[in-house]
């Protein structure tokens, strides 16, 4: 399922994962506990309706932990929610 590399940062590399998802694979300087923490934070933000990719789970590829995210942002649906919250003065 690991597809074309589409990005890289200091702690991870990002690859296509199937047709509608990406995987953010940890580099050796990042461990599973850090990815689990990132997953928890990403879920919290996504559940609040912010325009971020939907996070799914931590998986392993060649002994490297990785986070699965949706590919794209669903930004039309989520941005509307964010704008409504901001107009009404709701906290996120």
N, C-alpha and C. Protein backbone atom coordinates (compact mmCIF):
# COMPACT_ATOMS: atom_id res chain seq x y z
N UNK A 1 0.80 -1.21 0.00
CA UNK A 1 0.00 0.00 0.00
C UNK A 1 0.84 1.28 0.00
N UNK A 2 2.10 1.18 0.42
CA UNK A 2 2.95 2.35 0.48
C UNK A 2 3.20 2.85 -0.94
N UNK A 3 2.78 4.08 -1.17
CA UNK A 3 2.89 4.65 -2.51
C UNK A 3 4.02 5.66 -2.62
N UNK A 4 3.82 6.61 -3.48
CA UNK A 4 4.80 7.65 -3.79
C UNK A 4 5.04 8.55 -2.58
N UNK A 5 6.29 8.90 -2.37
CA UNK A 5 6.65 9.85 -1.31
C UNK A 5 6.18 11.24 -1.74
N UNK A 6 5.44 11.90 -0.86
CA UNK A 6 4.89 13.22 -1.21
C UNK A 6 5.37 14.33 -0.29
N UNK A 7 6.14 13.98 0.75
CA UNK A 7 6.65 15.02 1.64
C UNK A 7 7.60 14.45 2.68
N UNK A 8 8.34 15.37 3.33
CA UNK A 8 9.27 14.97 4.37
C UNK A 8 9.51 16.13 5.31
N UNK A 9 9.64 15.81 6.58
CA UNK A 9 9.97 16.81 7.59
C UNK A 9 11.07 16.27 8.48
N UNK A 10 11.32 16.95 9.58
CA UNK A 10 12.38 16.55 10.47
C UNK A 10 12.14 15.23 11.17
N UNK A 11 10.86 14.89 11.40
CA UNK A 11 10.53 13.69 12.16
C UNK A 11 9.82 12.61 11.36
N UNK A 12 9.46 12.90 10.12
CA UNK A 12 8.67 11.91 9.38
C UNK A 12 8.78 12.10 7.87
N UNK A 13 8.30 11.07 7.17
CA UNK A 13 8.14 11.11 5.72
C UNK A 13 6.67 10.80 5.44
N UNK A 14 6.11 11.43 4.42
CA UNK A 14 4.70 11.23 4.09
C UNK A 14 4.60 10.57 2.72
N UNK A 15 3.78 9.50 2.66
CA UNK A 15 3.59 8.73 1.44
C UNK A 15 2.11 8.57 1.15
N UNK A 16 1.78 8.40 -0.14
CA UNK A 16 0.43 7.99 -0.48
C UNK A 16 0.18 6.63 0.16
N UNK A 17 -1.07 6.41 0.58
CA UNK A 17 -1.47 5.16 1.22
C UNK A 17 -2.82 4.80 0.63
N UNK A 18 -2.80 3.98 -0.40
CA UNK A 18 -4.04 3.70 -1.11
C UNK A 18 -4.46 4.91 -1.94
N UNK A 19 -5.75 5.02 -2.21
CA UNK A 19 -6.21 6.12 -3.06
C UNK A 19 -6.69 7.34 -2.30
N UNK A 20 -7.17 7.17 -1.08
CA UNK A 20 -7.78 8.29 -0.36
C UNK A 20 -7.10 8.61 0.97
N UNK A 21 -5.92 8.05 1.18
CA UNK A 21 -5.24 8.28 2.45
C UNK A 21 -3.74 8.51 2.22
N UNK A 22 -3.10 9.03 3.28
CA UNK A 22 -1.65 9.17 3.32
C UNK A 22 -1.16 8.56 4.62
N UNK A 23 0.11 8.22 4.65
CA UNK A 23 0.73 7.73 5.88
C UNK A 23 1.92 8.62 6.19
N UNK A 24 2.00 9.03 7.44
CA UNK A 24 3.11 9.82 7.94
C UNK A 24 4.00 8.86 8.73
N UNK A 25 5.09 8.41 8.10
CA UNK A 25 5.99 7.42 8.71
C UNK A 25 7.07 8.10 9.54
N UNK A 26 7.21 7.65 10.77
CA UNK A 26 8.19 8.23 11.68
C UNK A 26 9.61 7.90 11.24
N UNK A 27 10.49 8.87 11.44
CA UNK A 27 11.92 8.64 11.29
C UNK A 27 12.44 8.07 12.62
N UNK A 28 13.69 7.59 12.65
CA UNK A 28 14.21 6.99 13.89
C UNK A 28 14.18 7.89 15.12
N UNK A 29 14.11 9.21 14.93
CA UNK A 29 14.08 10.12 16.09
C UNK A 29 12.68 10.30 16.68
N UNK A 30 11.70 9.55 16.20
CA UNK A 30 10.32 9.64 16.69
C UNK A 30 9.84 8.24 17.05
N UNK A 31 9.19 8.10 18.20
CA UNK A 31 8.74 6.79 18.62
C UNK A 31 7.21 6.68 18.60
N UNK A 32 6.71 5.48 18.86
CA UNK A 32 5.26 5.25 18.80
C UNK A 32 4.50 6.08 19.82
N UNK A 33 5.05 6.28 21.01
CA UNK A 33 4.35 7.08 22.02
C UNK A 33 4.10 8.50 21.52
N UNK A 34 5.08 9.06 20.82
CA UNK A 34 4.91 10.41 20.26
C UNK A 34 3.83 10.42 19.18
N UNK A 35 3.78 9.36 18.38
CA UNK A 35 2.74 9.28 17.34
C UNK A 35 1.36 9.08 17.96
N UNK A 36 1.27 8.30 19.03
CA UNK A 36 -0.02 8.12 19.71
C UNK A 36 -0.50 9.45 20.27
N UNK A 37 0.42 10.24 20.81
CA UNK A 37 0.08 11.58 21.32
C UNK A 37 -0.40 12.48 20.18
N UNK A 38 0.31 12.44 19.06
CA UNK A 38 -0.10 13.22 17.89
C UNK A 38 -1.48 12.78 17.39
N UNK A 39 -1.71 11.47 17.38
CA UNK A 39 -3.02 10.95 16.96
C UNK A 39 -4.12 11.47 17.87
N UNK A 40 -3.90 11.44 19.17
CA UNK A 40 -4.90 11.94 20.13
C UNK A 40 -5.20 13.42 19.88
N UNK A 41 -4.15 14.20 19.69
CA UNK A 41 -4.34 15.64 19.42
C UNK A 41 -5.06 15.86 18.09
N UNK A 42 -4.67 15.12 17.06
CA UNK A 42 -5.30 15.28 15.75
C UNK A 42 -6.77 14.90 15.80
N UNK A 43 -7.11 13.84 16.53
CA UNK A 43 -8.52 13.45 16.67
C UNK A 43 -9.32 14.53 17.37
N UNK A 44 -8.76 15.09 18.42
CA UNK A 44 -9.44 16.14 19.18
C UNK A 44 -9.74 17.34 18.28
N UNK A 45 -8.76 17.77 17.51
CA UNK A 45 -8.93 18.93 16.62
C UNK A 45 -9.94 18.60 15.52
N UNK A 46 -9.83 17.40 14.93
CA UNK A 46 -10.75 17.01 13.87
C UNK A 46 -12.18 16.93 14.40
N UNK A 47 -12.36 16.37 15.59
CA UNK A 47 -13.70 16.25 16.17
C UNK A 47 -14.32 17.60 16.51
N UNK A 48 -13.48 18.61 16.71
CA UNK A 48 -13.99 19.97 16.96
C UNK A 48 -14.43 20.65 15.66
N UNK A 49 -14.18 19.99 14.52
CA UNK A 49 -14.65 20.53 13.26
C UNK A 49 -13.66 21.42 12.53
N UNK A 50 -12.42 21.46 12.99
CA UNK A 50 -11.44 22.29 12.30
C UNK A 50 -11.04 21.65 10.97
N UNK A 51 -10.63 22.45 9.99
CA UNK A 51 -10.33 21.93 8.65
C UNK A 51 -8.96 21.23 8.61
N UNK A 52 -8.92 20.04 9.16
CA UNK A 52 -7.71 19.23 9.17
C UNK A 52 -8.04 17.85 8.61
N UNK A 53 -7.05 17.13 8.10
CA UNK A 53 -7.31 15.78 7.61
C UNK A 53 -7.78 14.87 8.74
N UNK A 54 -8.71 13.99 8.43
CA UNK A 54 -9.20 13.05 9.44
C UNK A 54 -8.09 12.04 9.78
N UNK A 55 -7.75 11.92 11.07
CA UNK A 55 -6.77 10.92 11.48
C UNK A 55 -7.45 9.57 11.71
N UNK A 56 -6.74 8.48 11.42
CA UNK A 56 -7.32 7.16 11.58
C UNK A 56 -6.65 6.32 12.65
N UNK A 57 -5.39 5.96 12.45
CA UNK A 57 -4.76 5.02 13.39
C UNK A 57 -3.25 5.03 13.21
N UNK A 58 -2.57 4.40 14.18
CA UNK A 58 -1.13 4.15 14.09
C UNK A 58 -0.95 2.74 13.55
N UNK A 59 -0.11 2.60 12.54
CA UNK A 59 0.22 1.29 11.96
C UNK A 59 1.74 1.19 11.84
N UNK A 60 2.21 0.00 11.52
CA UNK A 60 3.65 -0.21 11.31
C UNK A 60 3.92 -0.63 9.88
N UNK A 61 4.96 -0.03 9.29
CA UNK A 61 5.43 -0.39 7.96
C UNK A 61 6.94 -0.59 8.07
N UNK A 62 7.39 -1.80 7.80
CA UNK A 62 8.82 -2.11 7.92
C UNK A 62 9.39 -1.68 9.28
N UNK A 63 8.68 -2.01 10.35
CA UNK A 63 9.08 -1.73 11.73
C UNK A 63 9.09 -0.24 12.07
N UNK A 64 8.46 0.58 11.24
CA UNK A 64 8.37 2.02 11.51
C UNK A 64 6.92 2.37 11.81
N UNK A 65 6.67 3.07 12.93
CA UNK A 65 5.30 3.50 13.20
C UNK A 65 4.90 4.62 12.27
N UNK A 66 3.62 4.64 11.91
CA UNK A 66 3.11 5.69 11.04
C UNK A 66 1.66 6.01 11.35
N UNK A 67 1.26 7.23 11.06
CA UNK A 67 -0.12 7.68 11.24
C UNK A 67 -0.82 7.70 9.90
N UNK A 68 -2.03 7.17 9.86
CA UNK A 68 -2.85 7.21 8.65
C UNK A 68 -3.80 8.41 8.75
N UNK A 69 -3.83 9.22 7.70
CA UNK A 69 -4.72 10.37 7.60
C UNK A 69 -5.49 10.29 6.29
N UNK A 70 -6.65 10.94 6.27
CA UNK A 70 -7.34 11.08 4.99
C UNK A 70 -6.49 11.96 4.08
N UNK A 71 -6.66 11.77 2.79
CA UNK A 71 -5.94 12.58 1.81
C UNK A 71 -6.88 13.72 1.43
N UNK A 72 -6.47 14.94 1.70
CA UNK A 72 -7.33 16.09 1.47
C UNK A 72 -7.92 16.57 2.78
N UNK A 73 -8.72 17.63 2.70
CA UNK A 73 -9.18 18.26 3.93
C UNK A 73 -10.69 18.25 4.16
N UNK A 74 -11.49 17.85 3.21
CA UNK A 74 -12.94 18.04 3.34
C UNK A 74 -13.23 19.48 3.75
N UNK A 75 -12.47 20.43 3.22
CA UNK A 75 -12.49 21.78 3.76
C UNK A 75 -13.84 22.49 3.65
N UNK A 76 -14.64 22.19 2.67
CA UNK A 76 -15.91 22.90 2.55
C UNK A 76 -16.81 22.62 3.76
N UNK A 77 -16.95 21.37 4.12
CA UNK A 77 -17.80 21.00 5.25
C UNK A 77 -17.25 21.54 6.56
N UNK A 78 -15.97 21.36 6.78
CA UNK A 78 -15.37 21.73 8.06
C UNK A 78 -15.19 23.24 8.20
N UNK A 79 -14.87 23.94 7.15
CA UNK A 79 -14.70 25.38 7.25
C UNK A 79 -16.01 26.05 7.63
N UNK A 80 -17.12 25.55 7.12
CA UNK A 80 -18.42 26.09 7.50
C UNK A 80 -18.67 25.98 8.98
N UNK A 81 -18.29 24.86 9.57
CA UNK A 81 -18.45 24.66 11.01
C UNK A 81 -17.56 25.63 11.78
N UNK A 82 -16.32 25.78 11.34
CA UNK A 82 -15.40 26.69 12.00
C UNK A 82 -15.93 28.12 11.95
N UNK A 83 -16.39 28.56 10.78
CA UNK A 83 -16.92 29.92 10.65
C UNK A 83 -18.13 30.12 11.56
N UNK A 84 -19.01 29.14 11.64
CA UNK A 84 -20.18 29.24 12.51
C UNK A 84 -19.76 29.37 13.97
N UNK A 85 -18.81 28.57 14.41
CA UNK A 85 -18.33 28.65 15.79
C UNK A 85 -17.74 30.01 16.09
N UNK A 86 -16.95 30.53 15.15
CA UNK A 86 -16.32 31.82 15.37
C UNK A 86 -17.34 32.95 15.40
N UNK A 87 -18.35 32.90 14.52
CA UNK A 87 -19.40 33.92 14.51
C UNK A 87 -20.18 33.93 15.81
N UNK A 88 -20.45 32.75 16.35
CA UNK A 88 -21.26 32.64 17.56
C UNK A 88 -20.44 32.78 18.82
N UNK A 89 -19.13 32.91 18.68
CA UNK A 89 -18.28 33.09 19.85
C UNK A 89 -18.07 31.84 20.68
N UNK A 90 -18.31 30.68 20.08
CA UNK A 90 -18.11 29.42 20.80
C UNK A 90 -16.62 29.13 20.91
N UNK A 91 -16.27 28.50 22.01
CA UNK A 91 -14.87 28.07 22.14
C UNK A 91 -14.70 26.73 21.45
N UNK A 92 -13.50 26.52 20.98
CA UNK A 92 -13.18 25.25 20.35
C UNK A 92 -12.55 24.40 21.40
